[in-house]
C-alpha cells in the first residue's frame, strides 16, 4: 500500500465517521425538538407536575437540544473544511465567488439571530 492510498483511506474513514456523527446529531435534534414540542408541553401538566422523559423535563431537554445543535454546527464546519477542494471544484464549478457568496449568506443568517434586537 502506497502512502497516497493510506492517506485516501484515512480521509475516507474520517469522512464516514464525520457523516455518521452528523446524521446522528441531526436525528437527535429532530427527536428532541419533536419531544419538546409535542410530548413535553410548556408549563405544568396535570396536577401541577411537569412531565419528564428519562428524568428530564422540557427545560433540561432544551439544554441538550441546544448543545447538540452547537456540536452539529461544529461538525458541519469540519466537514466543509475537509471537502474544501470539492466545494471549489464541483459545487462552485471553479468559480470561488459562488462558494464565498454561499458562506456569506450562511453567516448572514447566523448573524441575524445573534445581532437582531430582542424585545424584553
PDB file of N, CA and C in Angstrom:
ATOM      1  N   UNK A   1       0.857  -1.170   0.000  1.00  0.00           N
ATOM      2  CA  UNK A   1       0.000   0.000   0.000  1.00  0.00           C
ATOM      3  C   UNK A   1       0.902   1.231   0.000  1.00  0.00           C
ATOM      4  N   UNK A   2       0.634   2.134  -0.914  1.00  0.00           N
ATOM      5  CA  UNK A   2       1.434   3.363  -1.012  1.00  0.00           C
ATOM      6  C   UNK A   2       0.958   4.385   0.018  1.00  0.00           C
ATOM      7  N   UNK A   3       1.778   5.405   0.208  1.00  0.00           N
ATOM      8  CA  UNK A   3       1.427   6.463   1.151  1.00  0.00           C
ATOM      9  C   UNK A   3       0.151   7.185   0.707  1.00  0.00           C
ATOM     10  N   UNK A   4      -0.015   7.384  -0.598  1.00  0.00           N
ATOM     11  CA  UNK A   4      -1.190   8.073  -1.108  1.00  0.00           C
ATOM     12  C   UNK A   4      -2.460   7.271  -0.798  1.00  0.00           C
ATOM     13  N   UNK A   5      -2.395   5.933  -0.949  1.00  0.00           N
ATOM     14  CA  UNK A   5      -3.540   5.088  -0.644  1.00  0.00           C
ATOM     15  C   UNK A   5      -3.862   5.148   0.846  1.00  0.00           C
ATOM     16  N   UNK A   6      -2.841   5.129   1.688  1.00  0.00           N
ATOM     17  CA  UNK A   6      -3.061   5.204   3.129  1.00  0.00           C
ATOM     18  C   UNK A   6      -3.725   6.520   3.501  1.00  0.00           C
ATOM     19  N   UNK A   7      -3.322   7.618   2.870  1.00  0.00           N
ATOM     20  CA  UNK A   7      -3.941   8.904   3.144  1.00  0.00           C
ATOM     21  C   UNK A   7      -5.390   8.919   2.671  1.00  0.00           C
ATOM     22  N   UNK A   8      -5.651   8.331   1.528  1.00  0.00           N
ATOM     23  CA  UNK A   8      -7.005   8.296   0.988  1.00  0.00           C
ATOM     24  C   UNK A   8      -7.920   7.488   1.912  1.00  0.00           C
ATOM     25  N   UNK A   9      -7.451   6.332   2.380  1.00  0.00           N
ATOM     26  CA  UNK A   9      -8.243   5.514   3.285  1.00  0.00           C
ATOM     27  C   UNK A   9      -8.506   6.286   4.565  1.00  0.00           C
ATOM     28  N   UNK A  10      -7.504   6.962   5.076  1.00  0.00           N
ATOM     29  CA  UNK A  10      -7.650   7.733   6.302  1.00  0.00           C
ATOM     30  C   UNK A  10      -8.684   8.836   6.135  1.00  0.00           C
ATOM     31  N   UNK A  11      -8.634   9.544   5.023  1.00  0.00           N
ATOM     32  CA  UNK A  11      -9.603  10.621   4.792  1.00  0.00           C
ATOM     33  C   UNK A  11     -11.002  10.049   4.629  1.00  0.00           C
ATOM     34  N   UNK A  12     -11.115   8.909   3.942  1.00  0.00           N
ATOM     35  CA  UNK A  12     -12.417   8.262   3.777  1.00  0.00           C
ATOM     36  C   UNK A  12     -12.982   7.827   5.124  1.00  0.00           C
ATOM     37  N   UNK A  13     -12.134   7.273   5.972  1.00  0.00           N
ATOM     38  CA  UNK A  13     -12.576   6.833   7.290  1.00  0.00           C
ATOM     39  C   UNK A  13     -13.057   8.024   8.112  1.00  0.00           C
ATOM     40  N   UNK A  14     -12.274   9.093   8.101  1.00  0.00           N
ATOM     41  CA  UNK A  14     -12.666  10.301   8.831  1.00  0.00           C
ATOM     42  C   UNK A  14     -13.990  10.829   8.286  1.00  0.00           C
ATOM     43  N   UNK A  15     -14.132  10.828   6.991  1.00  0.00           N
ATOM     44  CA  UNK A  15     -15.348  11.330   6.355  1.00  0.00           C
ATOM     45  C   UNK A  15     -16.557  10.479   6.751  1.00  0.00           C
ATOM     46  N   UNK A  16     -16.399   9.156   6.760  1.00  0.00           N
ATOM     47  CA  UNK A  16     -17.511   8.270   7.137  1.00  0.00           C
ATOM     48  C   UNK A  16     -17.941   8.505   8.579  1.00  0.00           C
ATOM     49  N   UNK A  17     -16.960   8.595   9.469  1.00  0.00           N
ATOM     50  CA  UNK A  17     -17.269   8.829  10.881  1.00  0.00           C
ATOM     51  C   UNK A  17     -17.962  10.178  11.050  1.00  0.00           C
ATOM     52  N   UNK A  18     -17.423  11.192  10.394  1.00  0.00           N
ATOM     53  CA  UNK A  18     -17.993  12.533  10.470  1.00  0.00           C
ATOM     54  C   UNK A  18     -19.426  12.550   9.941  1.00  0.00           C
ATOM     55  N   UNK A  19     -19.651  11.911   8.808  1.00  0.00           N
ATOM     56  CA  UNK A  19     -21.003  11.839   8.230  1.00  0.00           C
ATOM     57  C   UNK A  19     -21.959  11.113   9.169  1.00  0.00           C
ATOM     58  N   UNK A  20     -21.493  10.027   9.775  1.00  0.00           N
ATOM     59  CA  UNK A  20     -22.329   9.290  10.730  1.00  0.00           C
ATOM     60  C   UNK A  20     -22.691  10.131  11.936  1.00  0.00           C
ATOM     61  N   UNK A  21     -21.703  10.862  12.459  1.00  0.00           N
ATOM     62  CA  UNK A  21     -21.976  11.734  13.607  1.00  0.00           C
ATOM     63  C   UNK A  21     -22.942  12.857  13.246  1.00  0.00           C
ATOM     64  N   UNK A  22     -22.791  13.420  12.043  1.00  0.00           N
ATOM     65  CA  UNK A  22     -23.713  14.474  11.617  1.00  0.00           C
ATOM     66  C   UNK A  22     -25.126  13.921  11.468  1.00  0.00           C
ATOM     67  N   UNK A  23     -25.258  12.724  10.926  1.00  0.00           N
ATOM     68  CA  UNK A  23     -26.574  12.105  10.784  1.00  0.00           C
ATOM     69  C   UNK A  23     -27.218  11.881  12.150  1.00  0.00           C
ATOM     70  N   UNK A  24     -26.458  11.290  13.075  1.00  0.00           N
ATOM     71  CA  UNK A  24     -26.999  11.039  14.409  1.00  0.00           C
ATOM     72  C   UNK A  24     -27.322  12.340  15.142  1.00  0.00           C
ATOM     73  N   UNK A  25     -26.473  13.356  14.953  1.00  0.00           N
ATOM     74  CA  UNK A  25     -26.747  14.657  15.562  1.00  0.00           C
ATOM     75  C   UNK A  25     -28.031  15.266  15.027  1.00  0.00           C
ATOM     76  N   UNK A  26     -28.233  15.174  13.713  1.00  0.00           N
ATOM     77  CA  UNK A  26     -29.459  15.670  13.111  1.00  0.00           C
ATOM     78  C   UNK A  26     -30.678  14.911  13.612  1.00  0.00           C
ATOM     79  N   UNK A  27     -30.544  13.595  13.746  1.00  0.00           N
ATOM     80  CA  UNK A  27     -31.652  12.785  14.270  1.00  0.00           C
ATOM     81  C   UNK A  27     -31.961  13.167  15.709  1.00  0.00           C
ATOM     82  N   UNK A  28     -30.923  13.407  16.513  1.00  0.00           N
ATOM     83  CA  UNK A  28     -31.140  13.824  17.899  1.00  0.00           C
ATOM     84  C   UNK A  28     -31.872  15.162  17.944  1.00  0.00           C
ATOM     85  N   UNK A  29     -31.467  16.096  17.080  1.00  0.00           N
ATOM     86  CA  UNK A  29     -32.125  17.407  17.059  1.00  0.00           C
ATOM     87  C   UNK A  29     -33.593  17.292  16.669  1.00  0.00           C
ATOM     88  N   UNK A  30     -33.881  16.492  15.657  1.00  0.00           N
ATOM     89  CA  UNK A  30     -35.274  16.295  15.246  1.00  0.00           C
ATOM     90  C   UNK A  30     -36.067  15.646  16.381  1.00  0.00           C
ATOM     91  N   UNK A  31     -35.518  14.592  16.956  1.00  0.00           N
ATOM     92  CA  UNK A  31     -36.220  13.879  18.028  1.00  0.00           C
ATOM     93  C   UNK A  31     -36.431  14.730  19.263  1.00  0.00           C
ATOM     94  N   UNK A  32     -35.398  15.429  19.710  1.00  0.00           N
ATOM     95  CA  UNK A  32     -35.540  16.236  20.927  1.00  0.00           C
ATOM     96  C   UNK A  32     -36.438  17.444  20.670  1.00  0.00           C
ATOM     97  N   UNK A  33     -36.380  18.023  19.473  1.00  0.00           N
ATOM     98  CA  UNK A  33     -37.279  19.125  19.143  1.00  0.00           C
ATOM     99  C   UNK A  33     -38.730  18.674  19.132  1.00  0.00           C
ATOM    100  N   UNK A  34     -38.965  17.527  18.535  1.00  0.00           N
ATOM    101  CA  UNK A  34     -40.315  16.985  18.489  1.00  0.00           C
ATOM    102  C   UNK A  34     -40.811  16.643  19.898  1.00  0.00           C
ATOM    103  N   UNK A  35     -39.919  16.050  20.697  1.00  0.00           N
ATOM    104  CA  UNK A  35     -40.246  15.718  22.079  1.00  0.00           C
ATOM    105  C   UNK A  35     -40.691  16.957  22.837  1.00  0.00           C
ATOM    106  N   UNK A  36     -39.917  18.033  22.737  1.00  0.00           N
ATOM    107  CA  UNK A  36     -40.255  19.249  23.467  1.00  0.00           C
ATOM    108  C   UNK A  36     -41.544  19.883  22.950  1.00  0.00           C
ATOM    109  N   UNK A  37     -41.764  19.825  21.651  1.00  0.00           N
ATOM    110  CA  UNK A  37     -42.932  20.468  21.059  1.00  0.00           C
ATOM    111  C   UNK A  37     -44.211  19.675  21.291  1.00  0.00           C
ATOM    112  N   UNK A  38     -44.141  18.367  21.197  1.00  0.00           N
ATOM    113  CA  UNK A  38     -45.350  17.539  21.216  1.00  0.00           C
ATOM    114  C   UNK A  38     -45.604  16.795  22.524  1.00  0.00           C
ATOM    115  N   UNK A  39     -44.548  16.338  23.185  1.00  0.00           N
ATOM    116  CA  UNK A  39     -44.756  15.454  24.327  1.00  0.00           C
ATOM    117  C   UNK A  39     -44.467  16.093  25.679  1.00  0.00           C
ATOM    118  N   UNK A  40     -43.675  17.163  25.685  1.00  0.00           N
ATOM    119  CA  UNK A  40     -43.373  17.868  26.929  1.00  0.00           C
ATOM    120  C   UNK A  40     -43.846  19.308  26.787  1.00  0.00           C
ATOM    121  N   UNK A  41     -45.138  19.527  26.963  1.00  0.00           N
ATOM    122  CA  UNK A  41     -45.695  20.866  26.712  1.00  0.00           C
ATOM    123  C   UNK A  41     -45.147  21.910  27.681  1.00  0.00           C
ATOM    124  N   UNK A  42     -45.312  23.171  27.298  1.00  0.00           N
ATOM    125  CA  UNK A  42     -44.912  24.284  28.157  1.00  0.00           C
ATOM    126  C   UNK A  42     -45.786  24.293  29.416  1.00  0.00           C
ATOM    127  N   UNK A  43     -45.224  24.837  30.466  1.00  0.00           N
ATOM    128  CA  UNK A  43     -45.989  24.957  31.702  1.00  0.00           C
ATOM    129  C   UNK A  43     -46.069  23.643  32.453  1.00  0.00           C
ATOM    130  N   UNK A  44     -46.969  23.623  33.377  1.00  0.00           N
ATOM    131  CA  UNK A  44     -47.140  22.430  34.219  1.00  0.00           C
ATOM    132  C   UNK A  44     -48.213  21.524  33.634  1.00  0.00           C
ATOM    133  N   UNK A  45     -48.047  20.259  33.845  1.00  0.00           N
ATOM    134  CA  UNK A  45     -49.022  19.286  33.368  1.00  0.00           C
ATOM    135  C   UNK A  45     -50.148  19.116  34.370  1.00  0.00           C
ATOM    136  N   UNK A  46     -50.807  17.984  34.287  1.00  0.00           N
ATOM    137  CA  UNK A  46     -51.912  17.687  35.199  1.00  0.00           C
ATOM    138  C   UNK A  46     -51.403  17.620  36.633  1.00  0.00           C
ATOM    139  N   UNK A  47     -52.159  18.207  37.544  1.00  0.00           N
ATOM    140  CA  UNK A  47     -51.778  18.181  38.950  1.00  0.00           C
ATOM    141  C   UNK A  47     -50.595  19.079  39.266  1.00  0.00           C
ATOM    142  N   UNK A  48     -50.235  19.977  38.350  1.00  0.00           N
ATOM    143  CA  UNK A  48     -49.128  20.900  38.602  1.00  0.00           C
ATOM    144  C   UNK A  48     -47.746  20.268  38.482  1.00  0.00           C
ATOM    145  N   UNK A  49     -47.671  19.071  37.923  1.00  0.00           N
ATOM    146  CA  UNK A  49     -46.389  18.369  37.785  1.00  0.00           C
ATOM    147  C   UNK A  49     -45.906  18.470  36.347  1.00  0.00           C
ATOM    148  N   UNK A  50     -44.659  18.813  36.191  1.00  0.00           N
ATOM    149  CA  UNK A  50     -44.085  18.876  34.838  1.00  0.00           C
ATOM    150  C   UNK A  50     -43.764  17.464  34.352  1.00  0.00           C
ATOM    151  N   UNK A  51     -44.201  17.141  33.136  1.00  0.00           N
ATOM    152  CA  UNK A  51     -43.876  15.816  32.599  1.00  0.00           C
ATOM    153  C   UNK A  51     -42.382  15.698  32.312  1.00  0.00           C
ATOM    154  N   UNK A  52     -41.859  14.486  32.421  1.00  0.00           N
ATOM    155  CA  UNK A  52     -40.431  14.239  32.181  1.00  0.00           C
ATOM    156  C   UNK A  52     -40.253  13.008  31.305  1.00  0.00           C
ATOM    157  N   UNK A  53     -39.094  12.929  30.700  1.00  0.00           N
ATOM    158  CA  UNK A  53     -38.661  11.728  29.988  1.00  0.00           C
ATOM    159  C   UNK A  53     -37.231  11.464  30.415  1.00  0.00           C
ATOM    160  N   UNK A  54     -36.973  10.272  30.876  1.00  0.00           N
ATOM    161  CA  UNK A  54     -35.652   9.893  31.391  1.00  0.00           C
ATOM    162  C   UNK A  54     -35.214  10.825  32.524  1.00  0.00           C
ATOM    163  N   UNK A  55     -36.187  11.285  33.295  1.00  0.00           N
ATOM    164  CA  UNK A  55     -35.899  12.139  34.439  1.00  0.00           C
ATOM    165  C   UNK A  55     -35.624  13.594  34.086  1.00  0.00           C
ATOM    166  N   UNK A  56     -35.807  13.963  32.825  1.00  0.00           N
ATOM    167  CA  UNK A  56     -35.535  15.337  32.407  1.00  0.00           C
ATOM    168  C   UNK A  56     -36.825  15.989  31.910  1.00  0.00           C
ATOM    169  N   UNK A  57     -37.015  17.248  32.317  1.00  0.00           N
ATOM    170  CA  UNK A  57     -38.192  17.985  31.865  1.00  0.00           C
ATOM    171  C   UNK A  57     -37.868  18.748  30.577  1.00  0.00           C
ATOM    172  N   UNK A  58     -38.829  19.549  30.132  1.00  0.00           N
ATOM    173  CA  UNK A  58     -38.686  20.298  28.880  1.00  0.00           C
ATOM    174  C   UNK A  58     -37.448  21.198  28.890  1.00  0.00           C
ATOM    175  N   UNK A  59     -37.208  21.867  30.018  1.00  0.00           N
ATOM    176  CA  UNK A  59     -36.056  22.764  30.130  1.00  0.00           C
ATOM    177  C   UNK A  59     -34.743  21.988  29.993  1.00  0.00           C
ATOM    178  N   UNK A  60     -34.643  20.848  30.670  1.00  0.00           N
ATOM    179  CA  UNK A  60     -33.431  20.020  30.583  1.00  0.00           C
ATOM    180  C   UNK A  60     -33.194  19.544  29.151  1.00  0.00           C
ATOM    181  N   UNK A  61     -34.263  19.091  28.498  1.00  0.00           N
ATOM    182  CA  UNK A  61     -34.139  18.644  27.113  1.00  0.00           C
ATOM    183  C   UNK A  61     -33.749  19.795  26.194  1.00  0.00           C
ATOM    184  N   UNK A  62     -34.229  21.005  26.506  1.00  0.00           N
ATOM    185  CA  UNK A  62     -33.853  22.174  25.718  1.00  0.00           C
ATOM    186  C   UNK A  62     -32.361  22.445  25.774  1.00  0.00           C
ATOM    187  N   UNK A  63     -31.768  22.224  26.939  1.00  0.00           N
ATOM    188  CA  UNK A  63     -30.318  22.396  27.076  1.00  0.00           C
ATOM    189  C   UNK A  63     -29.576  21.377  26.224  1.00  0.00           C
ATOM    190  N   UNK A  64     -29.996  20.113  26.295  1.00  0.00           N
ATOM    191  CA  UNK A  64     -29.362  19.079  25.461  1.00  0.00           C
ATOM    192  C   UNK A  64     -29.542  19.393  23.972  1.00  0.00           C
ATOM    193  N   UNK A  65     -30.734  19.860  23.616  1.00  0.00           N
ATOM    194  CA  UNK A  65     -31.044  20.201  22.227  1.00  0.00           C
ATOM    195  C   UNK A  65     -30.113  21.307  21.729  1.00  0.00           C
ATOM    196  N   UNK A  66     -29.917  22.331  22.545  1.00  0.00           N
ATOM    197  CA  UNK A  66     -29.046  23.449  22.155  1.00  0.00           C
ATOM    198  C   UNK A  66     -27.606  22.986  21.973  1.00  0.00           C
ATOM    199  N   UNK A  67     -27.089  22.215  22.911  1.00  0.00           N
ATOM    200  CA  UNK A  67     -25.697  21.764  22.802  1.00  0.00           C
ATOM    201  C   UNK A  67     -25.497  20.800  21.631  1.00  0.00           C
ATOM    202  N   UNK A  68     -26.506  19.997  21.339  1.00  0.00           N
ATOM    203  CA  UNK A  68     -26.425  19.126  20.160  1.00  0.00           C
ATOM    204  C   UNK A  68     -26.370  19.970  18.893  1.00  0.00           C
ATOM    205  N   UNK A  69     -27.113  21.064  18.868  1.00  0.00           N
ATOM    206  CA  UNK A  69     -27.073  21.979  17.723  1.00  0.00           C
ATOM    207  C   UNK A  69     -25.698  22.600  17.545  1.00  0.00           C
ATOM    208  N   UNK A  70     -25.088  23.030  18.653  1.00  0.00           N
ATOM    209  CA  UNK A  70     -23.730  23.591  18.576  1.00  0.00           C
ATOM    210  C   UNK A  70     -22.740  22.543  18.063  1.00  0.00           C
ATOM    211  N   UNK A  71     -22.866  21.329  18.581  1.00  0.00           N
ATOM    212  CA  UNK A  71     -21.958  20.256  18.154  1.00  0.00           C
ATOM    213  C   UNK A  71     -22.145  19.952  16.671  1.00  0.00           C
ATOM    214  N   UNK A  72     -23.387  19.903  16.224  1.00  0.00           N
ATOM    215  CA  UNK A  72     -23.649  19.631  14.811  1.00  0.00           C
ATOM    216  C   UNK A  72     -23.090  20.744  13.931  1.00  0.00           C
ATOM    217  N   UNK A  73     -23.232  21.984  14.361  1.00  0.00           N
ATOM    218  CA  UNK A  73     -22.676  23.107  13.597  1.00  0.00           C
ATOM    219  C   UNK A  73     -21.157  22.976  13.484  1.00  0.00           C
ATOM    220  N   UNK A  74     -20.502  22.585  14.569  1.00  0.00           N
ATOM    221  CA  UNK A  74     -19.046  22.389  14.535  1.00  0.00           C
ATOM    222  C   UNK A  74     -18.675  21.260  13.581  1.00  0.00           C
ATOM    223  N   UNK A  75     -19.436  20.161  13.603  1.00  0.00           N
ATOM    224  CA  UNK A  75     -19.170  19.041  12.692  1.00  0.00           C
ATOM    225  C   UNK A  75     -19.347  19.459  11.235  1.00  0.00           C
ATOM    226  N   UNK A  76     -20.335  20.286  10.963  1.00  0.00           N
ATOM    227  CA  UNK A  76     -20.562  20.758   9.592  1.00  0.00           C
ATOM    228  C   UNK A  76     -19.391  21.619   9.136  1.00  0.00           C
ATOM    229  N   UNK A  77     -18.883  22.480  10.015  1.00  0.00           N
ATOM    230  CA  UNK A  77     -17.723  23.310   9.663  1.00  0.00           C
ATOM    231  C   UNK A  77     -16.518  22.420   9.345  1.00  0.00           C
ATOM    232  N   UNK A  78     -16.282  21.403  10.167  1.00  0.00           N
ATOM    233  CA  UNK A  78     -15.173  20.464   9.915  1.00  0.00           C
ATOM    234  C   UNK A  78     -15.397  19.748   8.586  1.00  0.00           C
ATOM    235  N   UNK A  79     -16.629  19.310   8.348  1.00  0.00           N
ATOM    236  CA  UNK A  79     -16.968  18.623   7.093  1.00  0.00           C
ATOM    237  C   UNK A  79     -16.672  19.511   5.878  1.00  0.00           C
ATOM    238  N   UNK A  80     -17.088  20.769   5.949  1.00  0.00           N
ATOM    239  CA  UNK A  80     -16.836  21.696   4.841  1.00  0.00           C
ATOM    240  C   UNK A  80     -15.345  21.932   4.649  1.00  0.00           C
ATOM    241  N   UNK A  81     -14.598  22.041   5.746  1.00  0.00           N
ATOM    242  CA  UNK A  81     -13.151  22.244   5.649  1.00  0.00           C
ATOM    243  C   UNK A  81     -12.472  21.033   5.007  1.00  0.00           C
ATOM    244  N   UNK A  82     -12.905  19.833   5.362  1.00  0.00           N
ATOM    245  CA  UNK A  82     -12.312  18.623   4.782  1.00  0.00           C
ATOM    246  C   UNK A  82     -12.623  18.477   3.295  1.00  0.00           C
ATOM    247  N   UNK A  83     -13.729  19.073   2.864  1.00  0.00           N
ATOM    248  CA  UNK A  83     -14.140  18.947   1.470  1.00  0.00           C
ATOM    249  C   UNK A  83     -14.002  20.265   0.714  1.00  0.00           C
ATOM    250  N   UNK A  84     -13.098  21.101   1.152  1.00  0.00           N
ATOM    251  CA  UNK A  84     -12.901  22.410   0.538  1.00  0.00           C
ATOM    252  C   UNK A  84     -12.588  22.345  -0.951  1.00  0.00           C
ATOM    253  N   UNK A  85     -11.697  21.437  -1.338  1.00  0.00           N
ATOM    254  CA  UNK A  85     -11.346  21.320  -2.766  1.00  0.00           C
ATOM    255  C   UNK A  85     -12.555  20.921  -3.594  1.00  0.00           C
ATOM    256  N   UNK A  86     -13.344  19.966  -3.096  1.00  0.00           N
ATOM    257  CA  UNK A  86     -14.545  19.543  -3.809  1.00  0.00           C
ATOM    258  C   UNK A  86     -15.510  20.710  -3.946  1.00  0.00           C
ATOM    259  N   UNK A  87     -15.666  21.491  -2.873  1.00  0.00           N
ATOM    260  CA  UNK A  87     -16.589  22.623  -2.913  1.00  0.00           C
ATOM    261  C   UNK A  87     -16.210  23.613  -4.003  1.00  0.00           C
ATOM    262  N   UNK A  88     -14.914  23.910  -4.115  1.00  0.00           N
ATOM    263  CA  UNK A  88     -14.468  24.866  -5.126  1.00  0.00           C
ATOM    264  C   UNK A  88     -14.596  24.270  -6.525  1.00  0.00           C
ATOM    265  N   UNK A  89     -14.155  23.016  -6.667  1.00  0.00           N
ATOM    266  CA  UNK A  89     -14.099  22.401  -7.996  1.00  0.00           C
ATOM    267  C   UNK A  89     -15.483  22.022  -8.534  1.00  0.00           C
ATOM    268  N   UNK A  90     -16.292  21.384  -7.721  1.00  0.00           N
ATOM    269  CA  UNK A  90     -17.563  20.843  -8.207  1.00  0.00           C
ATOM    270  C   UNK A  90     -18.743  21.739  -7.832  1.00  0.00           C
ATOM    271  N   UNK A  91     -18.915  21.992  -6.548  1.00  0.00           N
ATOM    272  CA  UNK A  91     -20.089  22.752  -6.111  1.00  0.00           C
ATOM    273  C   UNK A  91     -20.069  24.179  -6.648  1.00  0.00           C
ATOM    274  N   UNK A  92     -18.898  24.816  -6.623  1.00  0.00           N
ATOM    275  CA  UNK A  92     -18.801  26.197  -7.110  1.00  0.00           C
ATOM    276  C   UNK A  92     -18.422  26.250  -8.584  1.00  0.00           C
ATOM    277  N   UNK A  93     -18.236  25.100  -9.203  1.00  0.00           N
ATOM    278  CA  UNK A  93     -17.893  24.995 -10.625  1.00  0.00           C
ATOM    279  C   UNK A  93     -16.713  25.897 -11.000  1.00  0.00           C
ATOM    280  N   UNK A  94     -15.653  25.790 -10.206  1.00  0.00           N
ATOM    281  CA  UNK A  94     -14.407  26.530 -10.449  1.00  0.00           C
ATOM    282  C   UNK A  94     -14.589  28.045 -10.327  1.00  0.00           C
ATOM    283  N   UNK A  95     -15.661  28.491  -9.726  1.00  0.00           N
ATOM    284  CA  UNK A  95     -15.898  29.925  -9.532  1.00  0.00           C
ATOM    285  C   UNK A  95     -15.976  30.183  -8.034  1.00  0.00           C
ATOM    286  N   UNK A  96     -14.831  30.474  -7.409  1.00  0.00           N
ATOM    287  CA  UNK A  96     -14.792  30.618  -5.943  1.00  0.00           C
ATOM    288  C   UNK A  96     -15.773  31.649  -5.396  1.00  0.00           C
ATOM    289  N   UNK A  97     -16.150  32.646  -6.192  1.00  0.00           N
ATOM    290  CA  UNK A  97     -17.086  33.655  -5.695  1.00  0.00           C
ATOM    291  C   UNK A  97     -18.418  33.024  -5.298  1.00  0.00           C
ATOM    292  N   UNK A  98     -18.796  31.921  -5.980  1.00  0.00           N
ATOM    293  CA  UNK A  98     -20.049  31.243  -5.628  1.00  0.00           C
ATOM    294  C   UNK A  98     -19.954  30.644  -4.224  1.00  0.00           C
ATOM    295  N   UNK A  99     -18.807  30.058  -3.929  1.00  0.00           N
ATOM    296  CA  UNK A  99     -18.580  29.486  -2.604  1.00  0.00           C
ATOM    297  C   UNK A  99     -18.585  30.582  -1.549  1.00  0.00           C
ATOM    298  N   UNK A 100     -17.903  31.669  -1.840  1.00  0.00           N
ATOM    299  CA  UNK A 100     -17.857  32.797  -0.905  1.00  0.00           C
ATOM    300  C   UNK A 100     -19.267  33.355  -0.693  1.00  0.00           C
ATOM    301  N   UNK A 101     -20.037  33.485  -1.755  1.00  0.00           N
ATOM    302  CA  UNK A 101     -21.405  34.003  -1.634  1.00  0.00           C
ATOM    303  C   UNK A 101     -22.253  33.094  -0.742  1.00  0.00           C
ATOM    304  N   UNK A 102     -22.102  31.792  -0.897  1.00  0.00           N
ATOM    305  CA  UNK A 102     -22.844  30.850  -0.049  1.00  0.00           C
ATOM    306  C   UNK A 102     -22.439  30.951   1.412  1.00  0.00           C
ATOM    307  N   UNK A 103     -21.135  31.068   1.647  1.00  0.00           N
ATOM    308  CA  UNK A 103     -20.663  31.197   3.026  1.00  0.00           C
ATOM    309  C   UNK A 103     -21.131  32.507   3.654  1.00  0.00           C
ATOM    310  N   UNK A 104     -21.085  33.592   2.888  1.00  0.00           N
ATOM    311  CA  UNK A 104     -21.553  34.887   3.392  1.00  0.00           C
ATOM    312  C   UNK A 104     -23.052  34.820   3.703  1.00  0.00           C
ATOM    313  N   UNK A 105     -23.828  34.177   2.840  1.00  0.00           N
ATOM    314  CA  UNK A 105     -25.270  34.046   3.082  1.00  0.00           C
ATOM    315  C   UNK A 105     -25.528  33.261   4.370  1.00  0.00           C
ATOM    316  N   UNK A 106     -24.791  32.170   4.559  1.00  0.00           N
ATOM    317  CA  UNK A 106     -24.941  31.374   5.782  1.00  0.00           C
ATOM    318  C   UNK A 106     -24.567  32.165   7.022  1.00  0.00           C
ATOM    319  N   UNK A 107     -23.468  32.901   6.946  1.00  0.00           N
ATOM    320  CA  UNK A 107     -23.053  33.725   8.083  1.00  0.00           C
ATOM    321  C   UNK A 107     -24.060  34.842   8.354  1.00  0.00           C
ATOM    322  N   UNK A 108     -24.683  35.368   7.292  1.00  0.00           N
ATOM    323  CA  UNK A 108     -25.700  36.407   7.476  1.00  0.00           C
ATOM    324  C   UNK A 108     -26.909  35.863   8.237  1.00  0.00           C
ATOM    325  N   UNK A 109     -27.301  34.639   7.932  1.00  0.00           N
ATOM    326  CA  UNK A 109     -28.429  34.030   8.643  1.00  0.00           C
ATOM    327  C   UNK A 109     -28.080  33.876  10.122  1.00  0.00           C
ATOM    328  N   UNK A 110     -26.909  33.326  10.406  1.00  0.00           N
ATOM    329  CA  UNK A 110     -26.475  33.166  11.799  1.00  0.00           C
ATOM    330  C   UNK A 110     -26.355  34.530  12.468  1.00  0.00           C
ATOM    331  N   UNK A 111     -25.751  35.485  11.769  1.00  0.00           N
ATOM    332  CA  UNK A 111     -25.582  36.829  12.311  1.00  0.00           C
ATOM    333  C   UNK A 111     -26.896  37.494  12.652  1.00  0.00           C
ATOM    334  N   UNK A 112     -27.913  37.273  11.829  1.00  0.00           N
ATOM    335  CA  UNK A 112     -29.231  37.837  12.112  1.00  0.00           C
ATOM    336  C   UNK A 112     -29.712  37.417  13.491  1.00  0.00           C
ATOM    337  N   UNK A 113     -29.626  36.108  13.772  1.00  0.00           N
ATOM    338  CA  UNK A 113     -30.116  35.610  15.057  1.00  0.00           C
ATOM    339  C   UNK A 113     -29.255  36.068  16.231  1.00  0.00           C
ATOM    340  N   UNK A 114     -27.975  36.298  15.972  1.00  0.00           N
ATOM    341  CA  UNK A 114     -27.098  36.773  17.041  1.00  0.00           C
ATOM    342  C   UNK A 114     -27.257  38.259  17.314  1.00  0.00           C
ATOM    343  N   UNK A 115     -27.533  39.047  16.265  1.00  0.00           N
ATOM    344  CA  UNK A 115     -27.498  40.501  16.399  1.00  0.00           C
ATOM    345  C   UNK A 115     -28.859  41.192  16.391  1.00  0.00           C
ATOM    346  N   UNK A 116     -29.901  40.515  15.942  1.00  0.00           N
ATOM    347  CA  UNK A 116     -31.224  41.145  15.866  1.00  0.00           C
ATOM    348  C   UNK A 116     -31.682  41.543  17.264  1.00  0.00           C
ATOM    349  N   UNK A 117     -32.289  42.720  17.403  1.00  0.00           N
ATOM    350  CA  UNK A 117     -32.734  43.163  18.718  1.00  0.00           C
ATOM    351  C   UNK A 117     -33.873  42.275  19.251  1.00  0.00           C
ATOM    352  N   UNK A 118     -33.805  41.984  20.520  1.00  0.00           N
ATOM    353  CA  UNK A 118     -34.813  41.159  21.182  1.00  0.00           C
ATOM    354  C   UNK A 118     -35.605  42.063  22.112  1.00  0.00           C
ATOM    355  N   UNK A 119     -36.918  42.028  22.004  1.00  0.00           N
ATOM    356  CA  UNK A 119     -37.758  42.823  22.895  1.00  0.00           C
ATOM    357  C   UNK A 119     -37.916  42.096  24.226  1.00  0.00           C
ATOM    358  N   UNK A 120     -37.846  42.868  25.277  1.00  0.00           N
ATOM    359  CA  UNK A 120     -37.996  42.286  26.623  1.00  0.00           C
ATOM    360  C   UNK A 120     -39.197  42.839  27.305  1.00  0.00           C
TER     361      UNK A 120
END
